[in-house]
């Protein structure tokens, strides 16, 4: 029921200007056992050096979420959007019928550190779209904050897929429940710190897959940040 994906088993690429850990197969990293999970296709932990970044490139039929951890990232796209996102900001881009964008470190001194998440949409050929928002630390402190959902409830980002993405920043010794309902599965990504989920220790970069209904408790061993994806159940 609980399956751990250790941080040190992720794919890794160092391009000089970019260091990237891949939770699932991506670019030059291929592992047929880790092609995605449910509708999750990509979770990359990226560190981009100052004054560098991803030049203009294209995407199609993918929901792309950028979750900022540190530094500044300048987004520019073919829809006419330009924005700088910082730690605490989250961005969603629906690639749909096709969009081009660039993601550049907006700082000449600090590294940009972020997670880039790709989600398979429930519909092909959507109109391209973009949005971003700031999630206050107080909204995540020792509680689950809804980051993205299919119906944009509670002011969350809208994604075109049957999922809910939550985030929390837990103080040491604090705990939170994780409930996986029938017909659902869950994917936990430990962004930083260390936690224990029903006796299973997890540290930064680790992930936990939950593929059956469950009522779990997560406790932080130190200050920690965690993402929880509530997903459609896996179809074999």
C-alpha atoms as a PDB file:
ATOM      1  CA  UNK A   1       0.000   0.000   0.000  1.00  0.00           C
ATOM      2  CA  UNK A   2       2.870   2.396   0.837  1.00  0.00           C
ATOM      3  CA  UNK A   3       5.724   2.564  -1.667  1.00  0.00           C
ATOM      4  CA  UNK A   4       8.776   4.771  -1.084  1.00  0.00           C
ATOM      5  CA  UNK A   5      10.677   6.412  -3.922  1.00  0.00           C
ATOM      6  CA  UNK A   6      14.015   7.398  -2.305  1.00  0.00           C
ATOM      7  CA  UNK A   7      15.554  10.722  -3.222  1.00  0.00           C
ATOM      8  CA  UNK A   8      18.850   9.090  -4.204  1.00  0.00           C
ATOM      9  CA  UNK A   9      17.121   6.868  -6.758  1.00  0.00           C
ATOM     10  CA  UNK A  10      15.881   9.817  -8.821  1.00  0.00           C
ATOM     11  CA  UNK A  11      17.435  10.666 -12.139  1.00  0.00           C
ATOM     12  CA  UNK A  12      19.963  13.517 -12.118  1.00  0.00           C
ATOM     13  CA  UNK A  13      21.381  15.850 -14.749  1.00  0.00           C
ATOM     14  CA  UNK A  14      24.028  18.557 -14.335  1.00  0.00           C
ATOM     15  CA  UNK A  15      24.285  20.938 -17.276  1.00  0.00           C
ATOM     16  CA  UNK A  16      26.440  23.500 -15.491  1.00  0.00           C
ATOM     17  CA  UNK A  17      23.780  26.210 -15.513  1.00  0.00           C
ATOM     18  CA  UNK A  18      21.118  23.668 -14.441  1.00  0.00           C
ATOM     19  CA  UNK A  19      21.017  20.910 -11.832  1.00  0.00           C
ATOM     20  CA  UNK A  20      17.877  18.782 -12.079  1.00  0.00           C
ATOM     21  CA  UNK A  21      16.540  15.770 -10.195  1.00  0.00           C
ATOM     22  CA  UNK A  22      13.876  13.769 -12.039  1.00  0.00           C
ATOM     23  CA  UNK A  23      11.279  11.808 -10.053  1.00  0.00           C
ATOM     24  CA  UNK A  24      10.029  10.273 -13.320  1.00  0.00           C
ATOM     25  CA  UNK A  25      11.605   9.527 -16.688  1.00  0.00           C
ATOM     26  CA  UNK A  26      12.557  12.774 -18.393  1.00  0.00           C
ATOM     27  CA  UNK A  27      14.922  13.865 -21.185  1.00  0.00           C
ATOM     28  CA  UNK A  28      18.051  11.667 -20.965  1.00  0.00           C
ATOM     29  CA  UNK A  29      16.824   9.812 -17.860  1.00  0.00           C
ATOM     30  CA  UNK A  30      14.711   6.781 -18.702  1.00  0.00           C
ATOM     31  CA  UNK A  31      13.387   4.226 -16.228  1.00  0.00           C
ATOM     32  CA  UNK A  32      10.402   2.158 -17.406  1.00  0.00           C
ATOM     33  CA  UNK A  33       9.451   1.556 -13.747  1.00  0.00           C
ATOM     34  CA  UNK A  34       9.069   5.315 -13.187  1.00  0.00           C
ATOM     35  CA  UNK A  35       7.203   6.820 -16.124  1.00  0.00           C
ATOM     36  CA  UNK A  36       4.763   8.724 -13.921  1.00  0.00           C
ATOM     37  CA  UNK A  37       2.126   8.008 -11.314  1.00  0.00           C
ATOM     38  CA  UNK A  38      -1.585   8.205 -12.073  1.00  0.00           C
ATOM     39  CA  UNK A  39      -1.910  11.470 -14.050  1.00  0.00           C
ATOM     40  CA  UNK A  40       1.420  12.826 -12.748  1.00  0.00           C
ATOM     41  CA  UNK A  41       3.994  12.763 -15.539  1.00  0.00           C
ATOM     42  CA  UNK A  42       6.902  14.937 -14.329  1.00  0.00           C
ATOM     43  CA  UNK A  43       8.263  16.231 -11.034  1.00  0.00           C
ATOM     44  CA  UNK A  44      11.627  17.889 -11.607  1.00  0.00           C
ATOM     45  CA  UNK A  45      13.535  19.649  -8.838  1.00  0.00           C
ATOM     46  CA  UNK A  46      15.506  22.322 -10.687  1.00  0.00           C
ATOM     47  CA  UNK A  47      18.264  24.718  -9.624  1.00  0.00           C
ATOM     48  CA  UNK A  48      19.044  27.344 -12.264  1.00  0.00           C
ATOM     49  CA  UNK A  49      22.179  29.481 -12.038  1.00  0.00           C
ATOM     50  CA  UNK A  50      21.938  33.301 -12.089  1.00  0.00           C
ATOM     51  CA  UNK A  51      21.314  34.983 -15.458  1.00  0.00           C
ATOM     52  CA  UNK A  52      20.560  31.653 -17.166  1.00  0.00           C
ATOM     53  CA  UNK A  53      17.505  29.518 -17.787  1.00  0.00           C
ATOM     54  CA  UNK A  54      15.277  27.760 -20.267  1.00  0.00           C
ATOM     55  CA  UNK A  55      15.026  29.716 -23.516  1.00  0.00           C
ATOM     56  CA  UNK A  56      11.866  29.894 -25.580  1.00  0.00           C
ATOM     57  CA  UNK A  57      10.534  26.376 -26.249  1.00  0.00           C
ATOM     58  CA  UNK A  58       7.195  24.709 -26.921  1.00  0.00           C
ATOM     59  CA  UNK A  59       4.704  22.465 -25.106  1.00  0.00           C
ATOM     60  CA  UNK A  60       1.402  20.912 -26.071  1.00  0.00           C
ATOM     61  CA  UNK A  61      -1.412  19.095 -24.216  1.00  0.00           C
ATOM     62  CA  UNK A  62       0.099  19.320 -20.743  1.00  0.00           C
ATOM     63  CA  UNK A  63      -0.765  21.074 -17.467  1.00  0.00           C
ATOM     64  CA  UNK A  64       2.473  22.598 -16.136  1.00  0.00           C
ATOM     65  CA  UNK A  65       2.815  23.800 -12.531  1.00  0.00           C
ATOM     66  CA  UNK A  66       5.872  25.648 -11.238  1.00  0.00           C
ATOM     67  CA  UNK A  67       6.243  25.687  -7.435  1.00  0.00           C
ATOM     68  CA  UNK A  68       8.886  28.211  -6.359  1.00  0.00           C
ATOM     69  CA  UNK A  69      11.180  27.423  -3.428  1.00  0.00           C
ATOM     70  CA  UNK A  70      13.864  30.134  -3.603  1.00  0.00           C
ATOM     71  CA  UNK A  71      15.069  32.888  -5.889  1.00  0.00           C
ATOM     72  CA  UNK A  72      13.241  34.470  -8.812  1.00  0.00           C
ATOM     73  CA  UNK A  73      12.053  33.057 -12.126  1.00  0.00           C
ATOM     74  CA  UNK A  74      10.953  35.197 -15.070  1.00  0.00           C
ATOM     75  CA  UNK A  75       8.225  33.632 -17.205  1.00  0.00           C
ATOM     76  CA  UNK A  76       7.504  34.879 -20.742  1.00  0.00           C
ATOM     77  CA  UNK A  77       5.119  33.135 -23.136  1.00  0.00           C
ATOM     78  CA  UNK A  78       3.587  33.340 -26.581  1.00  0.00           C
ATOM     79  CA  UNK A  79       0.212  34.289 -25.037  1.00  0.00           C
ATOM     80  CA  UNK A  80       1.703  37.645 -24.026  1.00  0.00           C
ATOM     81  CA  UNK A  81       2.234  36.934 -20.320  1.00  0.00           C
ATOM     82  CA  UNK A  82       5.340  38.107 -18.488  1.00  0.00           C
ATOM     83  CA  UNK A  83       5.732  37.537 -14.761  1.00  0.00           C
ATOM     84  CA  UNK A  84       8.416  37.086 -12.117  1.00  0.00           C
ATOM     85  CA  UNK A  85       7.576  34.453  -9.523  1.00  0.00           C
ATOM     86  CA  UNK A  86       9.336  34.063  -6.188  1.00  0.00           C
ATOM     87  CA  UNK A  87       9.395  31.741  -3.175  1.00  0.00           C
ATOM     88  CA  UNK A  88       5.799  31.097  -2.120  1.00  0.00           C
ATOM     89  CA  UNK A  89       4.454  31.650  -5.646  1.00  0.00           C
ATOM     90  CA  UNK A  90       2.861  28.971  -7.805  1.00  0.00           C
ATOM     91  CA  UNK A  91       2.257  29.174 -11.545  1.00  0.00           C
ATOM     92  CA  UNK A  92       0.021  27.099 -13.824  1.00  0.00           C
ATOM     93  CA  UNK A  93       0.218  26.963 -17.603  1.00  0.00           C
ATOM     94  CA  UNK A  94      -2.176  24.979 -19.788  1.00  0.00           C
ATOM     95  CA  UNK A  95      -0.210  24.165 -22.930  1.00  0.00           C
ATOM     96  CA  UNK A  96      -3.278  22.854 -24.778  1.00  0.00           C
ATOM     97  CA  UNK A  97      -3.115  23.330 -28.543  1.00  0.00           C
ATOM     98  CA  UNK A  98       0.414  24.667 -28.202  1.00  0.00           C
ATOM     99  CA  UNK A  99       2.330  27.408 -26.416  1.00  0.00           C
ATOM    100  CA  UNK A 100       5.918  28.629 -26.329  1.00  0.00           C
ATOM    101  CA  UNK A 101       7.520  30.005 -23.204  1.00  0.00           C
ATOM    102  CA  UNK A 102      10.829  30.758 -21.494  1.00  0.00           C
ATOM    103  CA  UNK A 103      11.760  30.403 -17.817  1.00  0.00           C
ATOM    104  CA  UNK A 104      14.822  32.474 -16.904  1.00  0.00           C
ATOM    105  CA  UNK A 105      16.492  33.188 -13.578  1.00  0.00           C
ATOM    106  CA  UNK A 106      15.584  36.825 -12.934  1.00  0.00           C
ATOM    107  CA  UNK A 107      18.553  37.328 -10.573  1.00  0.00           C
ATOM    108  CA  UNK A 108      22.186  37.988 -11.436  1.00  0.00           C
ATOM    109  CA  UNK A 109      23.294  36.668  -8.036  1.00  0.00           C
ATOM    110  CA  UNK A 110      20.953  34.053  -6.541  1.00  0.00           C
ATOM    111  CA  UNK A 111      20.103  30.529  -7.715  1.00  0.00           C
ATOM    112  CA  UNK A 112      16.473  29.908  -8.670  1.00  0.00           C
ATOM    113  CA  UNK A 113      15.183  26.737  -6.998  1.00  0.00           C
ATOM    114  CA  UNK A 114      11.792  25.310  -7.923  1.00  0.00           C
ATOM    115  CA  UNK A 115       9.741  22.223  -8.703  1.00  0.00           C
ATOM    116  CA  UNK A 116       8.314  21.831 -12.178  1.00  0.00           C
ATOM    117  CA  UNK A 117       5.318  19.504 -12.309  1.00  0.00           C
ATOM    118  CA  UNK A 118       3.615  18.159 -15.424  1.00  0.00           C
ATOM    119  CA  UNK A 119       0.097  16.742 -15.284  1.00  0.00           C
ATOM    120  CA  UNK A 120      -1.680  14.908 -18.086  1.00  0.00           C
ATOM    121  CA  UNK A 121      -4.880  16.865 -18.892  1.00  0.00           C
ATOM    122  CA  UNK A 122      -8.296  15.224 -19.069  1.00  0.00           C
ATOM    123  CA  UNK A 123      -8.960  16.861 -22.448  1.00  0.00           C
ATOM    124  CA  UNK A 124      -6.750  17.288 -25.501  1.00  0.00           C
ATOM    125  CA  UNK A 125      -6.651  20.473 -27.537  1.00  0.00           C
ATOM    126  CA  UNK A 126      -7.536  22.944 -24.779  1.00  0.00           C
ATOM    127  CA  UNK A 127      -7.043  26.664 -25.310  1.00  0.00           C
ATOM    128  CA  UNK A 128      -3.660  27.716 -23.839  1.00  0.00           C
ATOM    129  CA  UNK A 129      -3.973  29.544 -20.520  1.00  0.00           C
ATOM    130  CA  UNK A 130      -1.828  30.956 -17.700  1.00  0.00           C
ATOM    131  CA  UNK A 131      -2.254  31.991 -14.061  1.00  0.00           C
ATOM    132  CA  UNK A 132      -0.133  32.453 -10.948  1.00  0.00           C
ATOM    133  CA  UNK A 133      -0.760  33.165  -7.284  1.00  0.00           C
ATOM    134  CA  UNK A 134       1.040  33.644  -3.994  1.00  0.00           C
ATOM    135  CA  UNK A 135       0.337  31.241  -1.146  1.00  0.00           C
ATOM    136  CA  UNK A 136       1.091  32.958   2.138  1.00  0.00           C
ATOM    137  CA  UNK A 137       3.254  31.003   4.561  1.00  0.00           C
ATOM    138  CA  UNK A 138       0.547  31.404   7.203  1.00  0.00           C
ATOM    139  CA  UNK A 139      -1.893  29.519   4.969  1.00  0.00           C
ATOM    140  CA  UNK A 140       0.502  26.538   4.808  1.00  0.00           C
ATOM    141  CA  UNK A 141       1.810  26.615   8.370  1.00  0.00           C
ATOM    142  CA  UNK A 142       0.865  23.335  10.088  1.00  0.00           C
ATOM    143  CA  UNK A 143      -2.127  22.923   7.778  1.00  0.00           C
ATOM    144  CA  UNK A 144      -2.882  21.725   4.259  1.00  0.00           C
ATOM    145  CA  UNK A 145      -3.286  24.599   1.791  1.00  0.00           C
ATOM    146  CA  UNK A 146      -5.047  23.798  -1.478  1.00  0.00           C
ATOM    147  CA  UNK A 147      -2.714  24.822  -4.304  1.00  0.00           C
ATOM    148  CA  UNK A 148      -4.491  23.471  -7.398  1.00  0.00           C
ATOM    149  CA  UNK A 149      -7.735  21.655  -8.160  1.00  0.00           C
ATOM    150  CA  UNK A 150     -10.050  20.735 -11.022  1.00  0.00           C
ATOM    151  CA  UNK A 151     -12.679  23.282  -9.955  1.00  0.00           C
ATOM    152  CA  UNK A 152     -10.387  26.090  -8.715  1.00  0.00           C
ATOM    153  CA  UNK A 153     -12.143  25.940  -5.340  1.00  0.00           C
ATOM    154  CA  UNK A 154     -10.961  28.033  -2.415  1.00  0.00           C
ATOM    155  CA  UNK A 155      -9.032  30.270  -4.807  1.00  0.00           C
ATOM    156  CA  UNK A 156      -6.702  27.508  -5.966  1.00  0.00           C
ATOM    157  CA  UNK A 157      -5.151  27.287  -9.419  1.00  0.00           C
ATOM    158  CA  UNK A 158      -7.358  25.479 -11.931  1.00  0.00           C
ATOM    159  CA  UNK A 159      -5.994  22.311 -13.534  1.00  0.00           C
ATOM    160  CA  UNK A 160      -7.808  20.348 -16.217  1.00  0.00           C
ATOM    161  CA  UNK A 161      -7.639  17.025 -14.414  1.00  0.00           C
ATOM    162  CA  UNK A 162      -9.363  15.247 -11.506  1.00  0.00           C
ATOM    163  CA  UNK A 163      -6.779  16.026  -8.841  1.00  0.00           C
ATOM    164  CA  UNK A 164      -6.128  18.210  -5.831  1.00  0.00           C
ATOM    165  CA  UNK A 165      -2.648  19.444  -4.927  1.00  0.00           C
ATOM    166  CA  UNK A 166      -2.007  20.489  -1.325  1.00  0.00           C
ATOM    167  CA  UNK A 167       1.063  21.987   0.363  1.00  0.00           C
ATOM    168  CA  UNK A 168       2.121  22.384   3.965  1.00  0.00           C
ATOM    169  CA  UNK A 169       5.038  23.770   5.944  1.00  0.00           C
ATOM    170  CA  UNK A 170       5.185  21.773   9.170  1.00  0.00           C
ATOM    171  CA  UNK A 171       7.031  22.843  12.294  1.00  0.00           C
ATOM    172  CA  UNK A 172       9.078  20.167  14.058  1.00  0.00           C
ATOM    173  CA  UNK A 173       6.816  17.727  15.973  1.00  0.00           C
ATOM    174  CA  UNK A 174       3.641  19.004  14.275  1.00  0.00           C
ATOM    175  CA  UNK A 175       1.420  16.449  12.551  1.00  0.00           C
ATOM    176  CA  UNK A 176      -1.283  16.330   9.883  1.00  0.00           C
ATOM    177  CA  UNK A 177      -3.656  13.639   8.577  1.00  0.00           C
ATOM    178  CA  UNK A 178      -3.565  12.251   5.040  1.00  0.00           C
ATOM    179  CA  UNK A 179      -6.755  10.571   3.861  1.00  0.00           C
ATOM    180  CA  UNK A 180      -6.919   8.502   0.674  1.00  0.00           C
ATOM    181  CA  UNK A 181     -10.505   7.739  -0.327  1.00  0.00           C
ATOM    182  CA  UNK A 182     -11.818   4.790  -2.303  1.00  0.00           C
ATOM    183  CA  UNK A 183     -11.090   5.199  -6.000  1.00  0.00           C
ATOM    184  CA  UNK A 184      -8.167   7.521  -5.273  1.00  0.00           C
ATOM    185  CA  UNK A 185      -4.421   7.284  -4.758  1.00  0.00           C
ATOM    186  CA  UNK A 186      -1.881   9.701  -3.314  1.00  0.00           C
ATOM    187  CA  UNK A 187       1.636  10.886  -4.004  1.00  0.00           C
ATOM    188  CA  UNK A 188       3.608  12.716  -1.300  1.00  0.00           C
ATOM    189  CA  UNK A 189       6.739  14.639  -2.259  1.00  0.00           C
ATOM    190  CA  UNK A 190       8.988  15.759   0.599  1.00  0.00           C
ATOM    191  CA  UNK A 191      10.279  19.151  -0.494  1.00  0.00           C
ATOM    192  CA  UNK A 192      12.494  19.742   2.543  1.00  0.00           C
ATOM    193  CA  UNK A 193      13.063  18.491   6.069  1.00  0.00           C
ATOM    194  CA  UNK A 194      12.143  15.055   7.401  1.00  0.00           C
ATOM    195  CA  UNK A 195       8.825  13.431   8.336  1.00  0.00           C
ATOM    196  CA  UNK A 196       7.426  10.081   9.424  1.00  0.00           C
ATOM    197  CA  UNK A 197       4.238   8.768   7.810  1.00  0.00           C
ATOM    198  CA  UNK A 198       2.716   5.843   9.729  1.00  0.00           C
ATOM    199  CA  UNK A 199       6.153   4.721  10.874  1.00  0.00           C
ATOM    200  CA  UNK A 200       7.826   5.286   7.494  1.00  0.00           C
ATOM    201  CA  UNK A 201      10.649   7.852   7.704  1.00  0.00           C
ATOM    202  CA  UNK A 202      11.012  10.180   4.717  1.00  0.00           C
ATOM    203  CA  UNK A 203      13.512  12.935   4.001  1.00  0.00           C
ATOM    204  CA  UNK A 204      13.934  15.736   1.475  1.00  0.00           C
ATOM    205  CA  UNK A 205      13.509  14.482  -2.087  1.00  0.00           C
ATOM    206  CA  UNK A 206      11.799  11.247  -1.058  1.00  0.00           C
ATOM    207  CA  UNK A 207       8.305  10.423  -2.271  1.00  0.00           C
ATOM    208  CA  UNK A 208       5.592   8.144  -0.933  1.00  0.00           C
ATOM    209  CA  UNK A 209       3.007   6.449  -3.156  1.00  0.00           C
ATOM    210  CA  UNK A 210      -0.254   5.349  -1.521  1.00  0.00           C
ATOM    211  CA  UNK A 211      -2.250   3.122  -3.862  1.00  0.00           C
ATOM    212  CA  UNK A 212      -5.170   2.050  -1.639  1.00  0.00           C
ATOM    213  CA  UNK A 213      -7.662   3.734   0.707  1.00  0.00           C
ATOM    214  CA  UNK A 214      -5.918   4.814   3.890  1.00  0.00           C
ATOM    215  CA  UNK A 215      -6.051   7.127   6.888  1.00  0.00           C
ATOM    216  CA  UNK A 216      -2.455   8.132   7.612  1.00  0.00           C
ATOM    217  CA  UNK A 217      -0.721  10.481  10.017  1.00  0.00           C
ATOM    218  CA  UNK A 218       2.353  12.487   9.055  1.00  0.00           C
ATOM    219  CA  UNK A 219       4.596  13.974  11.746  1.00  0.00           C
ATOM    220  CA  UNK A 220       7.525  16.318  11.133  1.00  0.00           C
ATOM    221  CA  UNK A 221      10.860  15.399  12.704  1.00  0.00           C
ATOM    222  CA  UNK A 222      12.146  18.874  11.836  1.00  0.00           C
ATOM    223  CA  UNK A 223      10.764  21.904   9.998  1.00  0.00           C
ATOM    224  CA  UNK A 224       9.532  20.428   6.696  1.00  0.00           C
ATOM    225  CA  UNK A 225       7.685  21.296   3.500  1.00  0.00           C
ATOM    226  CA  UNK A 226       5.524  18.683   1.771  1.00  0.00           C
ATOM    227  CA  UNK A 227       3.336  18.421  -1.327  1.00  0.00           C
ATOM    228  CA  UNK A 228       0.374  16.022  -1.391  1.00  0.00           C
ATOM    229  CA  UNK A 229      -1.251  15.032  -4.679  1.00  0.00           C
ATOM    230  CA  UNK A 230      -4.748  13.518  -4.358  1.00  0.00           C
ATOM    231  CA  UNK A 231      -5.084  11.618  -7.647  1.00  0.00           C
ATOM    232  CA  UNK A 232      -7.394   9.284  -9.587  1.00  0.00           C
ATOM    233  CA  UNK A 233      -6.635   5.665  -8.742  1.00  0.00           C
ATOM    234  CA  UNK A 234      -4.019   3.861 -10.791  1.00  0.00           C
ATOM    235  CA  UNK A 235      -5.380   1.843 -13.711  1.00  0.00           C
ATOM    236  CA  UNK A 236      -3.287  -1.206 -14.525  1.00  0.00           C
END
